[in-house]
Amino acid sequence: MGAMTSQGSQEAAARARSVWTLTPLESVGPLRFGMSMDEAATALPEASELRRFQAEPFRPEVVGIQLGLSPAEPTVYEYFDGSGRLFCVATDAVRGPQIMLPGRELAGCDPAELENWLFDLPDSMGGVSYGPRGNPGINDLGLVLRVQDTARGLVTRPVLIGRDWADRCVDDWEGAIPECEWVGHMWPHPSFPGVRVWPSDETGYTAAWAGRWSPPF
């Protein structure tokens, strides 16, 4: 995700955004995990479908749908499995709805602060884990935190997944979250000094899909 051109426009968008409550593994705002494409479209009548894309390099049956107010203003990303069920939702850090887990905003936040907050959650909500590329999350909540580059710098972008797909969702090699959601700016972490974007020559790793598939954003 690229940085917006105007910090003022980002702040205005953040103030005007809707608020969606996350019910872990079940729903986020009006979107219920497991619903069909038609049901998801009905749930968001105010949003326009901007495009559909192949979200996985080696699983063409996984369909991504980008929604927004205009082509330059994507707000929500929906992902459907081979049977056409909604299994994953991600939102733009600035223009998308604010995602709320009771008592805490998850979108557009300082990464370090939100990471510390994860560790303060009760044990009953599940333990924090990290994927191979350093992104934190909690499998039991179907929640992974990514970062997005904005005029304010890197801020958090939540990626959410339903119960039937949540096993090892934080693991970016083995989990169900689509590959396109792992591409881009990496979570700021001392284990990856100097590495800012994946894939990158800095990592010394060539993506297996290089030359076969291009990330859609």
N, C-alpha and C. Protein backbone atom coordinates (compact mmCIF):
# COMPACT_ATOMS: atom_id res chain seq x y z
N MET A 1 0.84 -1.18 0.00
CA MET A 1 0.00 0.00 0.00
C MET A 1 0.88 1.25 0.00
N GLY A 2 0.64 2.17 -0.90
CA GLY A 2 1.47 3.35 -1.00
C GLY A 2 0.99 4.46 -0.10
N ALA A 3 1.84 5.42 0.16
CA ALA A 3 1.50 6.56 0.99
C ALA A 3 0.57 7.49 0.23
N MET A 4 -0.37 8.07 0.91
CA MET A 4 -1.25 9.06 0.31
C MET A 4 -0.48 10.35 0.12
N THR A 5 -1.00 11.21 -0.73
CA THR A 5 -0.28 12.44 -1.04
C THR A 5 -0.52 13.53 -0.03
N SER A 6 -1.61 13.48 0.70
CA SER A 6 -1.95 14.57 1.59
C SER A 6 -2.27 14.06 2.98
N GLN A 7 -1.51 14.52 3.96
CA GLN A 7 -1.79 14.11 5.34
C GLN A 7 -3.12 14.69 5.78
N GLY A 8 -3.45 15.92 5.33
CA GLY A 8 -4.72 16.52 5.70
C GLY A 8 -5.90 15.70 5.21
N SER A 9 -5.81 15.18 3.98
CA SER A 9 -6.91 14.38 3.45
C SER A 9 -7.02 13.06 4.20
N GLN A 10 -5.90 12.50 4.64
CA GLN A 10 -5.93 11.27 5.42
C GLN A 10 -6.62 11.50 6.76
N GLU A 11 -6.27 12.59 7.42
CA GLU A 11 -6.87 12.87 8.72
C GLU A 11 -8.37 13.11 8.59
N ALA A 12 -8.79 13.78 7.51
CA ALA A 12 -10.20 14.01 7.29
C ALA A 12 -10.93 12.69 7.06
N ALA A 13 -10.30 11.79 6.28
CA ALA A 13 -10.90 10.48 6.04
C ALA A 13 -11.03 9.69 7.33
N ALA A 14 -10.01 9.76 8.17
CA ALA A 14 -10.05 9.03 9.44
C ALA A 14 -11.18 9.53 10.33
N ARG A 15 -11.40 10.85 10.33
CA ARG A 15 -12.47 11.41 11.17
C ARG A 15 -13.84 10.99 10.65
N ALA A 16 -13.98 10.83 9.33
CA ALA A 16 -15.28 10.54 8.74
C ALA A 16 -15.57 9.05 8.66
N ARG A 17 -14.62 8.19 8.98
CA ARG A 17 -14.79 6.75 8.76
C ARG A 17 -15.88 6.17 9.65
N SER A 18 -16.49 5.11 9.13
CA SER A 18 -17.45 4.38 9.93
C SER A 18 -16.71 3.50 10.94
N VAL A 19 -17.44 2.96 11.88
CA VAL A 19 -16.85 2.11 12.92
C VAL A 19 -17.49 0.73 12.83
N TRP A 20 -16.64 -0.28 12.70
CA TRP A 20 -17.10 -1.66 12.65
C TRP A 20 -16.60 -2.40 13.89
N THR A 21 -17.49 -3.11 14.55
CA THR A 21 -17.12 -3.93 15.70
C THR A 21 -16.71 -5.32 15.22
N LEU A 22 -15.58 -5.78 15.73
CA LEU A 22 -15.11 -7.12 15.42
C LEU A 22 -15.66 -8.11 16.45
N THR A 23 -16.38 -9.10 15.98
CA THR A 23 -16.74 -10.25 16.80
C THR A 23 -15.81 -11.37 16.34
N PRO A 24 -14.74 -11.62 17.08
CA PRO A 24 -13.69 -12.52 16.59
C PRO A 24 -14.21 -13.84 16.02
N LEU A 25 -13.72 -14.15 14.82
CA LEU A 25 -13.99 -15.40 14.10
C LEU A 25 -15.39 -15.47 13.51
N GLU A 26 -16.25 -14.51 13.86
CA GLU A 26 -17.64 -14.56 13.40
C GLU A 26 -17.97 -13.47 12.38
N SER A 27 -17.65 -12.23 12.70
CA SER A 27 -18.05 -11.14 11.82
C SER A 27 -17.22 -9.90 12.11
N VAL A 28 -17.24 -8.98 11.15
CA VAL A 28 -16.65 -7.66 11.35
C VAL A 28 -17.61 -6.67 10.70
N GLY A 29 -18.16 -5.77 11.53
CA GLY A 29 -19.17 -4.86 11.03
C GLY A 29 -20.31 -5.64 10.42
N PRO A 30 -20.77 -5.26 9.22
CA PRO A 30 -21.90 -5.95 8.58
C PRO A 30 -21.50 -7.22 7.85
N LEU A 31 -20.21 -7.52 7.80
CA LEU A 31 -19.73 -8.70 7.07
C LEU A 31 -19.60 -9.90 8.00
N ARG A 32 -20.26 -10.98 7.61
CA ARG A 32 -20.22 -12.22 8.39
C ARG A 32 -19.37 -13.23 7.63
N PHE A 33 -18.39 -13.81 8.31
CA PHE A 33 -17.56 -14.81 7.67
C PHE A 33 -18.41 -16.00 7.25
N GLY A 34 -18.20 -16.46 6.02
CA GLY A 34 -18.98 -17.56 5.48
C GLY A 34 -20.08 -17.12 4.54
N MET A 35 -20.38 -15.82 4.49
CA MET A 35 -21.43 -15.35 3.58
C MET A 35 -20.95 -15.41 2.13
N SER A 36 -21.91 -15.41 1.21
CA SER A 36 -21.61 -15.47 -0.21
C SER A 36 -21.23 -14.10 -0.75
N MET A 37 -20.75 -14.05 -1.99
CA MET A 37 -20.43 -12.76 -2.61
C MET A 37 -21.66 -11.87 -2.70
N ASP A 38 -22.79 -12.47 -3.07
CA ASP A 38 -24.03 -11.68 -3.18
C ASP A 38 -24.44 -11.14 -1.82
N GLU A 39 -24.33 -11.95 -0.79
CA GLU A 39 -24.69 -11.49 0.56
C GLU A 39 -23.75 -10.39 1.01
N ALA A 40 -22.46 -10.52 0.70
CA ALA A 40 -21.49 -9.48 1.09
C ALA A 40 -21.79 -8.17 0.37
N ALA A 41 -22.16 -8.25 -0.91
CA ALA A 41 -22.50 -7.03 -1.66
C ALA A 41 -23.73 -6.36 -1.07
N THR A 42 -24.71 -7.14 -0.67
CA THR A 42 -25.92 -6.60 -0.05
C THR A 42 -25.60 -5.95 1.29
N ALA A 43 -24.63 -6.51 2.02
CA ALA A 43 -24.27 -5.98 3.34
C ALA A 43 -23.60 -4.62 3.26
N LEU A 44 -23.00 -4.30 2.09
CA LEU A 44 -22.30 -3.02 1.93
C LEU A 44 -22.85 -2.28 0.71
N PRO A 45 -24.09 -1.85 0.76
CA PRO A 45 -24.71 -1.22 -0.42
C PRO A 45 -24.07 0.11 -0.80
N GLU A 46 -23.39 0.76 0.14
CA GLU A 46 -22.80 2.07 -0.13
C GLU A 46 -21.45 1.97 -0.81
N ALA A 47 -20.85 0.77 -0.85
CA ALA A 47 -19.52 0.60 -1.42
C ALA A 47 -19.61 0.06 -2.84
N SER A 48 -18.73 0.55 -3.70
CA SER A 48 -18.68 0.07 -5.08
C SER A 48 -17.56 -0.95 -5.23
N GLU A 49 -17.80 -1.96 -6.04
CA GLU A 49 -16.75 -2.92 -6.35
C GLU A 49 -15.79 -2.27 -7.35
N LEU A 50 -14.54 -2.10 -6.94
CA LEU A 50 -13.56 -1.46 -7.81
C LEU A 50 -12.89 -2.45 -8.74
N ARG A 51 -12.64 -3.67 -8.24
CA ARG A 51 -12.04 -4.69 -9.09
C ARG A 51 -12.02 -6.03 -8.36
N ARG A 52 -11.87 -7.10 -9.17
CA ARG A 52 -11.64 -8.44 -8.65
C ARG A 52 -10.25 -8.88 -9.09
N PHE A 53 -9.61 -9.72 -8.28
CA PHE A 53 -8.25 -10.10 -8.59
C PHE A 53 -7.93 -11.47 -8.01
N GLN A 54 -6.89 -12.09 -8.54
CA GLN A 54 -6.39 -13.35 -8.01
C GLN A 54 -5.52 -13.04 -6.80
N ALA A 55 -5.97 -13.47 -5.64
CA ALA A 55 -5.30 -13.10 -4.39
C ALA A 55 -4.16 -14.02 -4.01
N GLU A 56 -4.11 -15.20 -4.62
CA GLU A 56 -3.09 -16.21 -4.32
C GLU A 56 -2.38 -16.61 -5.61
N PRO A 57 -1.06 -16.73 -5.61
CA PRO A 57 -0.37 -17.08 -6.85
C PRO A 57 -0.64 -18.49 -7.34
N PHE A 58 -0.85 -19.44 -6.42
CA PHE A 58 -1.00 -20.84 -6.81
C PHE A 58 -2.39 -21.39 -6.50
N ARG A 59 -3.31 -20.51 -6.09
CA ARG A 59 -4.68 -20.93 -5.81
C ARG A 59 -5.63 -19.95 -6.50
N PRO A 60 -5.83 -20.12 -7.81
CA PRO A 60 -6.65 -19.17 -8.56
C PRO A 60 -8.11 -19.12 -8.11
N GLU A 61 -8.54 -20.13 -7.35
CA GLU A 61 -9.92 -20.12 -6.88
C GLU A 61 -10.17 -19.10 -5.78
N VAL A 62 -9.11 -18.58 -5.15
CA VAL A 62 -9.27 -17.56 -4.10
C VAL A 62 -9.43 -16.20 -4.77
N VAL A 63 -10.60 -15.61 -4.57
CA VAL A 63 -10.94 -14.35 -5.24
C VAL A 63 -10.90 -13.20 -4.26
N GLY A 64 -10.23 -12.14 -4.65
CA GLY A 64 -10.23 -10.91 -3.86
C GLY A 64 -11.11 -9.87 -4.52
N ILE A 65 -11.82 -9.11 -3.71
CA ILE A 65 -12.66 -8.01 -4.21
C ILE A 65 -12.27 -6.75 -3.46
N GLN A 66 -11.91 -5.72 -4.21
CA GLN A 66 -11.56 -4.42 -3.64
C GLN A 66 -12.78 -3.51 -3.73
N LEU A 67 -13.14 -2.94 -2.60
CA LEU A 67 -14.30 -2.04 -2.54
C LEU A 67 -13.85 -0.64 -2.17
N GLY A 68 -14.62 0.36 -2.59
CA GLY A 68 -14.27 1.73 -2.22
C GLY A 68 -15.25 2.72 -2.78
N LEU A 69 -14.96 3.98 -2.53
CA LEU A 69 -15.80 5.07 -3.00
C LEU A 69 -15.40 5.52 -4.39
N SER A 70 -14.12 5.32 -4.72
CA SER A 70 -13.60 5.64 -6.04
C SER A 70 -12.35 4.81 -6.25
N PRO A 71 -11.86 4.66 -7.51
CA PRO A 71 -10.66 3.85 -7.73
C PRO A 71 -9.46 4.32 -6.92
N ALA A 72 -9.41 5.60 -6.57
CA ALA A 72 -8.28 6.13 -5.80
C ALA A 72 -8.51 6.02 -4.30
N GLU A 73 -9.67 5.49 -3.89
CA GLU A 73 -10.02 5.45 -2.47
C GLU A 73 -10.51 4.07 -2.05
N PRO A 74 -9.68 3.03 -2.17
CA PRO A 74 -10.11 1.71 -1.69
C PRO A 74 -10.27 1.72 -0.18
N THR A 75 -11.29 1.02 0.29
CA THR A 75 -11.56 1.01 1.72
C THR A 75 -11.54 -0.39 2.33
N VAL A 76 -12.06 -1.38 1.61
CA VAL A 76 -12.22 -2.72 2.15
C VAL A 76 -11.77 -3.75 1.12
N TYR A 77 -11.14 -4.83 1.60
CA TYR A 77 -10.75 -5.95 0.76
C TYR A 77 -11.41 -7.21 1.30
N GLU A 78 -12.19 -7.87 0.44
CA GLU A 78 -12.88 -9.11 0.81
C GLU A 78 -12.22 -10.27 0.07
N TYR A 79 -12.16 -11.43 0.73
CA TYR A 79 -11.57 -12.62 0.12
C TYR A 79 -12.52 -13.80 0.26
N PHE A 80 -12.72 -14.50 -0.86
CA PHE A 80 -13.64 -15.63 -0.92
C PHE A 80 -12.90 -16.89 -1.33
N ASP A 81 -13.25 -18.01 -0.69
CA ASP A 81 -12.58 -19.27 -0.99
C ASP A 81 -13.18 -19.93 -2.23
N GLY A 82 -12.73 -21.15 -2.53
CA GLY A 82 -13.18 -21.82 -3.74
C GLY A 82 -14.65 -22.12 -3.78
N SER A 83 -15.30 -22.18 -2.62
CA SER A 83 -16.75 -22.40 -2.59
C SER A 83 -17.54 -21.09 -2.56
N GLY A 84 -16.83 -19.97 -2.67
CA GLY A 84 -17.50 -18.67 -2.72
C GLY A 84 -17.87 -18.11 -1.38
N ARG A 85 -17.23 -18.59 -0.30
CA ARG A 85 -17.53 -18.09 1.04
C ARG A 85 -16.51 -17.03 1.46
N LEU A 86 -17.00 -15.98 2.11
CA LEU A 86 -16.13 -14.93 2.64
C LEU A 86 -15.33 -15.50 3.81
N PHE A 87 -14.00 -15.47 3.69
CA PHE A 87 -13.19 -16.03 4.77
C PHE A 87 -12.20 -15.05 5.36
N CYS A 88 -11.96 -13.91 4.69
CA CYS A 88 -10.96 -12.96 5.17
C CYS A 88 -11.38 -11.56 4.77
N VAL A 89 -11.12 -10.60 5.65
CA VAL A 89 -11.44 -9.19 5.40
C VAL A 89 -10.26 -8.35 5.87
N ALA A 90 -9.87 -7.39 5.07
CA ALA A 90 -8.85 -6.42 5.47
C ALA A 90 -9.36 -5.03 5.12
N THR A 91 -8.89 -4.03 5.84
CA THR A 91 -9.35 -2.67 5.60
C THR A 91 -8.17 -1.73 5.39
N ASP A 92 -8.40 -0.69 4.61
CA ASP A 92 -7.39 0.34 4.45
C ASP A 92 -7.17 1.03 5.79
N ALA A 93 -5.92 1.30 6.12
CA ALA A 93 -5.58 1.85 7.43
C ALA A 93 -6.17 3.23 7.67
N VAL A 94 -6.41 3.98 6.59
CA VAL A 94 -6.87 5.36 6.73
C VAL A 94 -8.30 5.53 6.23
N ARG A 95 -8.59 5.03 5.05
CA ARG A 95 -9.89 5.28 4.43
C ARG A 95 -10.92 4.21 4.75
N GLY A 96 -10.48 3.08 5.23
CA GLY A 96 -11.42 2.02 5.58
C GLY A 96 -12.12 2.29 6.89
N PRO A 97 -13.11 1.46 7.23
CA PRO A 97 -13.78 1.61 8.53
C PRO A 97 -12.80 1.36 9.67
N GLN A 98 -13.06 2.01 10.78
CA GLN A 98 -12.28 1.75 11.98
C GLN A 98 -12.76 0.43 12.58
N ILE A 99 -11.84 -0.49 12.80
CA ILE A 99 -12.18 -1.79 13.36
C ILE A 99 -11.97 -1.73 14.87
N MET A 100 -13.02 -2.12 15.60
CA MET A 100 -12.97 -2.06 17.06
C MET A 100 -13.08 -3.44 17.66
N LEU A 101 -12.10 -3.80 18.46
CA LEU A 101 -12.24 -4.90 19.39
C LEU A 101 -12.59 -4.20 20.69
N PRO A 102 -13.58 -4.67 21.44
CA PRO A 102 -14.06 -3.88 22.58
C PRO A 102 -12.97 -3.14 23.34
N GLY A 103 -13.07 -1.81 23.31
CA GLY A 103 -12.14 -0.96 24.04
C GLY A 103 -10.90 -0.57 23.29
N ARG A 104 -10.74 -1.01 22.02
CA ARG A 104 -9.50 -0.69 21.32
C ARG A 104 -9.71 -0.56 19.82
N GLU A 105 -9.17 0.52 19.24
CA GLU A 105 -9.14 0.68 17.80
C GLU A 105 -7.98 -0.14 17.23
N LEU A 106 -8.19 -0.73 16.05
CA LEU A 106 -7.17 -1.58 15.45
C LEU A 106 -6.58 -1.01 14.17
N ALA A 107 -7.24 -0.06 13.55
CA ALA A 107 -6.78 0.48 12.25
C ALA A 107 -6.16 1.86 12.42
N GLY A 108 -5.06 2.08 11.70
CA GLY A 108 -4.44 3.40 11.71
C GLY A 108 -3.72 3.74 13.00
N CYS A 109 -3.26 2.74 13.73
CA CYS A 109 -2.62 2.96 15.03
C CYS A 109 -1.10 2.84 14.94
N ASP A 110 -0.43 3.31 15.99
CA ASP A 110 1.01 3.15 16.09
C ASP A 110 1.34 1.67 16.28
N PRO A 111 2.18 1.08 15.42
CA PRO A 111 2.44 -0.36 15.53
C PRO A 111 2.96 -0.81 16.88
N ALA A 112 3.92 -0.08 17.44
CA ALA A 112 4.50 -0.49 18.72
C ALA A 112 3.46 -0.48 19.83
N GLU A 113 2.62 0.54 19.86
CA GLU A 113 1.60 0.63 20.91
C GLU A 113 0.60 -0.51 20.80
N LEU A 114 0.18 -0.81 19.56
CA LEU A 114 -0.82 -1.86 19.39
C LEU A 114 -0.21 -3.24 19.67
N GLU A 115 1.05 -3.41 19.32
CA GLU A 115 1.72 -4.68 19.62
C GLU A 115 1.79 -4.90 21.12
N ASN A 116 2.14 -3.86 21.89
CA ASN A 116 2.18 -3.98 23.34
C ASN A 116 0.80 -4.29 23.90
N TRP A 117 -0.23 -3.71 23.30
CA TRP A 117 -1.60 -3.95 23.76
C TRP A 117 -1.97 -5.42 23.59
N LEU A 118 -1.53 -6.03 22.49
CA LEU A 118 -1.83 -7.44 22.27
C LEU A 118 -1.33 -8.29 23.44
N PHE A 119 -0.14 -7.96 23.92
CA PHE A 119 0.45 -8.75 25.01
C PHE A 119 -0.26 -8.53 26.35
N ASP A 120 -1.02 -7.45 26.44
CA ASP A 120 -1.75 -7.18 27.67
C ASP A 120 -3.14 -7.81 27.70
N LEU A 121 -3.56 -8.44 26.61
CA LEU A 121 -4.87 -9.06 26.58
C LEU A 121 -4.92 -10.27 27.51
N PRO A 122 -6.09 -10.60 28.03
CA PRO A 122 -6.20 -11.78 28.92
C PRO A 122 -5.79 -13.06 28.20
N ASP A 123 -5.25 -14.00 28.95
CA ASP A 123 -4.83 -15.27 28.37
C ASP A 123 -5.99 -15.98 27.68
N SER A 124 -7.21 -15.73 28.15
CA SER A 124 -8.38 -16.39 27.59
C SER A 124 -8.62 -16.00 26.13
N MET A 125 -8.01 -14.90 25.68
CA MET A 125 -8.18 -14.45 24.30
C MET A 125 -7.13 -15.04 23.38
N GLY A 126 -6.22 -15.81 23.92
CA GLY A 126 -5.19 -16.45 23.10
C GLY A 126 -3.87 -15.72 23.19
N GLY A 127 -2.80 -16.42 22.89
CA GLY A 127 -1.47 -15.83 22.98
C GLY A 127 -1.02 -15.22 21.68
N VAL A 128 -0.15 -14.22 21.79
CA VAL A 128 0.41 -13.56 20.61
C VAL A 128 1.45 -14.48 19.97
N SER A 129 1.43 -14.54 18.65
CA SER A 129 2.46 -15.26 17.92
C SER A 129 2.87 -14.44 16.71
N TYR A 130 3.98 -14.84 16.10
CA TYR A 130 4.53 -14.11 14.95
C TYR A 130 4.73 -15.07 13.79
N GLY A 131 4.43 -14.59 12.59
CA GLY A 131 4.70 -15.37 11.40
C GLY A 131 6.15 -15.23 10.98
N PRO A 132 6.59 -16.03 9.99
CA PRO A 132 7.98 -15.97 9.53
C PRO A 132 8.42 -14.58 9.10
N ARG A 133 7.49 -13.75 8.65
CA ARG A 133 7.87 -12.41 8.21
C ARG A 133 7.66 -11.36 9.31
N GLY A 134 7.42 -11.82 10.54
CA GLY A 134 7.44 -10.93 11.70
C GLY A 134 6.16 -10.22 12.02
N ASN A 135 5.03 -10.61 11.42
CA ASN A 135 3.76 -9.94 11.71
C ASN A 135 3.09 -10.56 12.93
N PRO A 136 2.66 -9.75 13.90
CA PRO A 136 2.04 -10.29 15.10
C PRO A 136 0.55 -10.53 14.92
N GLY A 137 0.03 -11.42 15.72
CA GLY A 137 -1.40 -11.67 15.69
C GLY A 137 -1.78 -12.70 16.73
N ILE A 138 -3.07 -12.99 16.79
CA ILE A 138 -3.58 -13.98 17.73
C ILE A 138 -4.50 -14.92 16.95
N ASN A 139 -4.09 -16.18 16.82
CA ASN A 139 -4.87 -17.14 16.05
C ASN A 139 -6.28 -17.30 16.61
N ASP A 140 -6.40 -17.30 17.93
CA ASP A 140 -7.71 -17.53 18.56
C ASP A 140 -8.69 -16.39 18.29
N LEU A 141 -8.20 -15.25 17.86
CA LEU A 141 -9.07 -14.12 17.50
C LEU A 141 -9.22 -13.97 15.99
N GLY A 142 -8.46 -14.76 15.22
CA GLY A 142 -8.48 -14.59 13.78
C GLY A 142 -7.98 -13.21 13.38
N LEU A 143 -6.97 -12.71 14.09
CA LEU A 143 -6.49 -11.34 13.91
C LEU A 143 -4.99 -11.33 13.61
N VAL A 144 -4.62 -10.68 12.53
CA VAL A 144 -3.22 -10.42 12.20
C VAL A 144 -3.07 -8.93 11.97
N LEU A 145 -1.96 -8.37 12.44
CA LEU A 145 -1.68 -6.95 12.22
C LEU A 145 -0.61 -6.80 11.14
N ARG A 146 -0.92 -5.97 10.17
CA ARG A 146 0.04 -5.58 9.14
C ARG A 146 0.24 -4.07 9.26
N VAL A 147 1.16 -3.54 8.48
CA VAL A 147 1.36 -2.09 8.46
C VAL A 147 1.16 -1.56 7.04
N GLN A 148 0.77 -0.32 6.99
CA GLN A 148 0.54 0.39 5.73
C GLN A 148 1.29 1.72 5.79
N ASP A 149 1.94 2.06 4.70
CA ASP A 149 2.68 3.32 4.63
C ASP A 149 1.71 4.45 4.32
N THR A 150 1.72 5.48 5.13
CA THR A 150 0.82 6.63 4.96
C THR A 150 1.63 7.91 5.14
N ALA A 151 0.97 9.05 4.98
CA ALA A 151 1.64 10.33 5.18
C ALA A 151 2.14 10.48 6.61
N ARG A 152 1.54 9.74 7.55
CA ARG A 152 1.97 9.78 8.95
C ARG A 152 3.05 8.75 9.25
N GLY A 153 3.44 7.98 8.25
CA GLY A 153 4.37 6.89 8.47
C GLY A 153 3.63 5.57 8.51
N LEU A 154 4.27 4.53 9.03
CA LEU A 154 3.65 3.22 9.10
C LEU A 154 2.61 3.17 10.20
N VAL A 155 1.39 2.75 9.83
CA VAL A 155 0.32 2.57 10.80
C VAL A 155 -0.31 1.19 10.58
N THR A 156 -1.10 0.75 11.54
CA THR A 156 -1.60 -0.62 11.52
C THR A 156 -2.78 -0.79 10.56
N ARG A 157 -2.80 -1.99 10.00
CA ARG A 157 -3.86 -2.41 9.07
C ARG A 157 -4.29 -3.80 9.49
N PRO A 158 -5.46 -3.96 10.11
CA PRO A 158 -5.87 -5.28 10.58
C PRO A 158 -6.33 -6.18 9.44
N VAL A 159 -5.96 -7.45 9.55
CA VAL A 159 -6.45 -8.49 8.64
C VAL A 159 -7.18 -9.50 9.50
N LEU A 160 -8.41 -9.84 9.12
CA LEU A 160 -9.31 -10.62 9.97
C LEU A 160 -9.77 -11.86 9.22
N ILE A 161 -9.93 -12.97 9.93
CA ILE A 161 -10.26 -14.22 9.27
C ILE A 161 -11.28 -15.00 10.09
N GLY A 162 -12.11 -15.78 9.40
CA GLY A 162 -13.19 -16.50 10.05
C GLY A 162 -12.76 -17.79 10.73
N ARG A 163 -13.66 -18.32 11.54
CA ARG A 163 -13.34 -19.48 12.38
C ARG A 163 -12.85 -20.69 11.58
N ASP A 164 -13.50 -20.99 10.48
CA ASP A 164 -13.15 -22.20 9.73
C ASP A 164 -11.77 -22.10 9.07
N TRP A 165 -11.20 -20.90 9.04
CA TRP A 165 -9.93 -20.69 8.35
C TRP A 165 -8.83 -20.15 9.29
N ALA A 166 -9.13 -20.06 10.59
CA ALA A 166 -8.25 -19.34 11.51
C ALA A 166 -7.05 -20.14 11.99
N ASP A 167 -7.05 -21.44 11.80
CA ASP A 167 -5.94 -22.26 12.29
C ASP A 167 -4.62 -21.76 11.70
N ARG A 168 -3.68 -21.38 12.58
CA ARG A 168 -2.35 -20.89 12.17
C ARG A 168 -2.43 -19.68 11.24
N CYS A 169 -3.44 -18.85 11.42
CA CYS A 169 -3.61 -17.73 10.50
C CYS A 169 -2.45 -16.74 10.57
N VAL A 170 -1.74 -16.67 11.70
CA VAL A 170 -0.62 -15.76 11.82
C VAL A 170 0.58 -16.25 11.00
N ASP A 171 0.62 -17.54 10.70
CA ASP A 171 1.72 -18.13 9.94
C ASP A 171 1.55 -17.77 8.47
N ASP A 172 2.40 -16.88 7.95
CA ASP A 172 2.21 -16.41 6.58
C ASP A 172 2.65 -17.43 5.54
N TRP A 173 3.22 -18.57 5.97
CA TRP A 173 3.51 -19.65 5.03
C TRP A 173 2.38 -20.67 5.00
N GLU A 174 1.83 -20.99 6.17
CA GLU A 174 0.89 -22.11 6.27
C GLU A 174 -0.57 -21.69 6.43
N GLY A 175 -0.83 -20.47 6.88
CA GLY A 175 -2.19 -20.04 7.16
C GLY A 175 -2.98 -19.72 5.90
N ALA A 176 -4.27 -19.41 6.10
CA ALA A 176 -5.18 -19.20 4.98
C ALA A 176 -5.20 -17.77 4.45
N ILE A 177 -4.62 -16.82 5.16
CA ILE A 177 -4.64 -15.44 4.68
C ILE A 177 -3.95 -15.36 3.33
N PRO A 178 -4.57 -14.72 2.33
CA PRO A 178 -4.01 -14.70 0.98
C PRO A 178 -2.63 -14.06 0.91
N GLU A 179 -1.82 -14.55 -0.02
CA GLU A 179 -0.45 -14.06 -0.18
C GLU A 179 -0.40 -12.57 -0.41
N CYS A 180 -1.35 -12.01 -1.14
CA CYS A 180 -1.30 -10.58 -1.44
C CYS A 180 -1.34 -9.72 -0.19
N GLU A 181 -1.89 -10.26 0.91
CA GLU A 181 -1.96 -9.50 2.14
C GLU A 181 -0.63 -9.49 2.91
N TRP A 182 0.31 -10.34 2.52
CA TRP A 182 1.61 -10.36 3.18
C TRP A 182 2.65 -9.54 2.44
N VAL A 183 2.36 -9.18 1.22
CA VAL A 183 3.31 -8.43 0.40
C VAL A 183 3.32 -6.96 0.82
N GLY A 184 4.48 -6.34 0.77
CA GLY A 184 4.55 -4.91 1.05
C GLY A 184 5.38 -4.60 2.29
N HIS A 185 5.05 -3.52 2.96
CA HIS A 185 5.83 -3.08 4.11
C HIS A 185 5.77 -4.08 5.25
N MET A 186 6.93 -4.35 5.81
CA MET A 186 7.04 -5.32 6.89
C MET A 186 6.81 -4.66 8.24
N TRP A 187 6.38 -5.49 9.18
CA TRP A 187 6.17 -5.01 10.56
C TRP A 187 7.51 -4.55 11.13
N PRO A 188 7.58 -3.35 11.72
CA PRO A 188 8.85 -2.88 12.31
C PRO A 188 9.27 -3.80 13.45
N HIS A 189 10.42 -4.44 13.30
CA HIS A 189 10.82 -5.43 14.30
C HIS A 189 12.34 -5.55 14.27
N PRO A 190 12.98 -5.61 15.44
CA PRO A 190 14.44 -5.70 15.47
C PRO A 190 15.01 -6.95 14.84
N SER A 191 14.18 -7.97 14.64
CA SER A 191 14.67 -9.19 13.99
C SER A 191 14.93 -8.99 12.50
N PHE A 192 14.40 -7.89 11.96
CA PHE A 192 14.55 -7.63 10.54
C PHE A 192 15.19 -6.25 10.34
N PRO A 193 16.40 -6.03 10.85
CA PRO A 193 17.02 -4.70 10.73
C PRO A 193 17.28 -4.34 9.27
N GLY A 194 16.83 -3.14 8.91
CA GLY A 194 17.09 -2.64 7.56
C GLY A 194 16.16 -3.17 6.50
N VAL A 195 15.36 -4.18 6.81
CA VAL A 195 14.43 -4.74 5.83
C VAL A 195 13.08 -4.04 5.98
N ARG A 196 12.63 -3.42 4.93
CA ARG A 196 11.41 -2.62 5.02
C ARG A 196 10.25 -3.14 4.19
N VAL A 197 10.54 -3.86 3.12
CA VAL A 197 9.50 -4.31 2.21
C VAL A 197 9.76 -5.77 1.85
N TRP A 198 8.69 -6.55 1.75
CA TRP A 198 8.81 -7.93 1.29
C TRP A 198 7.95 -8.14 0.06
N PRO A 199 8.43 -8.86 -0.97
CA PRO A 199 9.80 -9.36 -1.12
C PRO A 199 10.78 -8.26 -1.48
N SER A 200 12.02 -8.45 -1.13
CA SER A 200 13.05 -7.44 -1.36
C SER A 200 14.40 -8.14 -1.43
N ASP A 201 15.32 -7.54 -2.18
CA ASP A 201 16.68 -8.08 -2.23
C ASP A 201 17.32 -8.08 -0.84
N GLU A 202 16.82 -7.19 0.06
CA GLU A 202 17.38 -7.12 1.40
C GLU A 202 17.16 -8.41 2.18
N THR A 203 16.10 -9.15 1.84
CA THR A 203 15.78 -10.37 2.58
C THR A 203 16.62 -11.55 2.11
N GLY A 204 17.21 -11.44 0.93
CA GLY A 204 17.97 -12.56 0.38
C GLY A 204 17.08 -13.70 -0.06
N TYR A 205 15.79 -13.41 -0.27
CA TYR A 205 14.83 -14.45 -0.61
C TYR A 205 14.06 -14.04 -1.86
N THR A 206 13.93 -14.96 -2.80
CA THR A 206 13.13 -14.72 -3.99
C THR A 206 11.80 -15.44 -3.83
N ALA A 207 10.71 -14.71 -3.99
CA ALA A 207 9.39 -15.31 -3.83
C ALA A 207 9.19 -16.43 -4.85
N ALA A 208 8.57 -17.52 -4.41
CA ALA A 208 8.35 -18.66 -5.30
C ALA A 208 7.45 -18.30 -6.47
N TRP A 209 6.64 -17.25 -6.30
CA TRP A 209 5.73 -16.85 -7.37
C TRP A 209 6.32 -15.82 -8.33
N ALA A 210 7.57 -15.42 -8.11
CA ALA A 210 8.18 -14.39 -8.96
C ALA A 210 8.12 -14.82 -10.43
N GLY A 211 7.62 -13.93 -11.25
CA GLY A 211 7.49 -14.21 -12.68
C GLY A 211 6.24 -14.95 -13.07
N ARG A 212 5.48 -15.44 -12.07
CA ARG A 212 4.27 -16.19 -12.36
C ARG A 212 3.00 -15.43 -11.98
N TRP A 213 3.16 -14.54 -11.00
CA TRP A 213 1.99 -13.83 -10.45
C TRP A 213 2.49 -12.49 -9.94
N SER A 214 1.67 -11.47 -10.08
CA SER A 214 2.03 -10.14 -9.58
C SER A 214 1.04 -9.73 -8.50
N PRO A 215 1.52 -9.26 -7.35
CA PRO A 215 0.61 -8.78 -6.30
C PRO A 215 -0.30 -7.70 -6.86
N PRO A 216 -1.58 -7.72 -6.51
CA PRO A 216 -2.53 -6.77 -7.10
C PRO A 216 -2.43 -5.36 -6.53
N PHE A 217 -1.72 -5.18 -5.43
CA PHE A 217 -1.56 -3.84 -4.87
C PHE A 217 -0.31 -3.79 -4.02
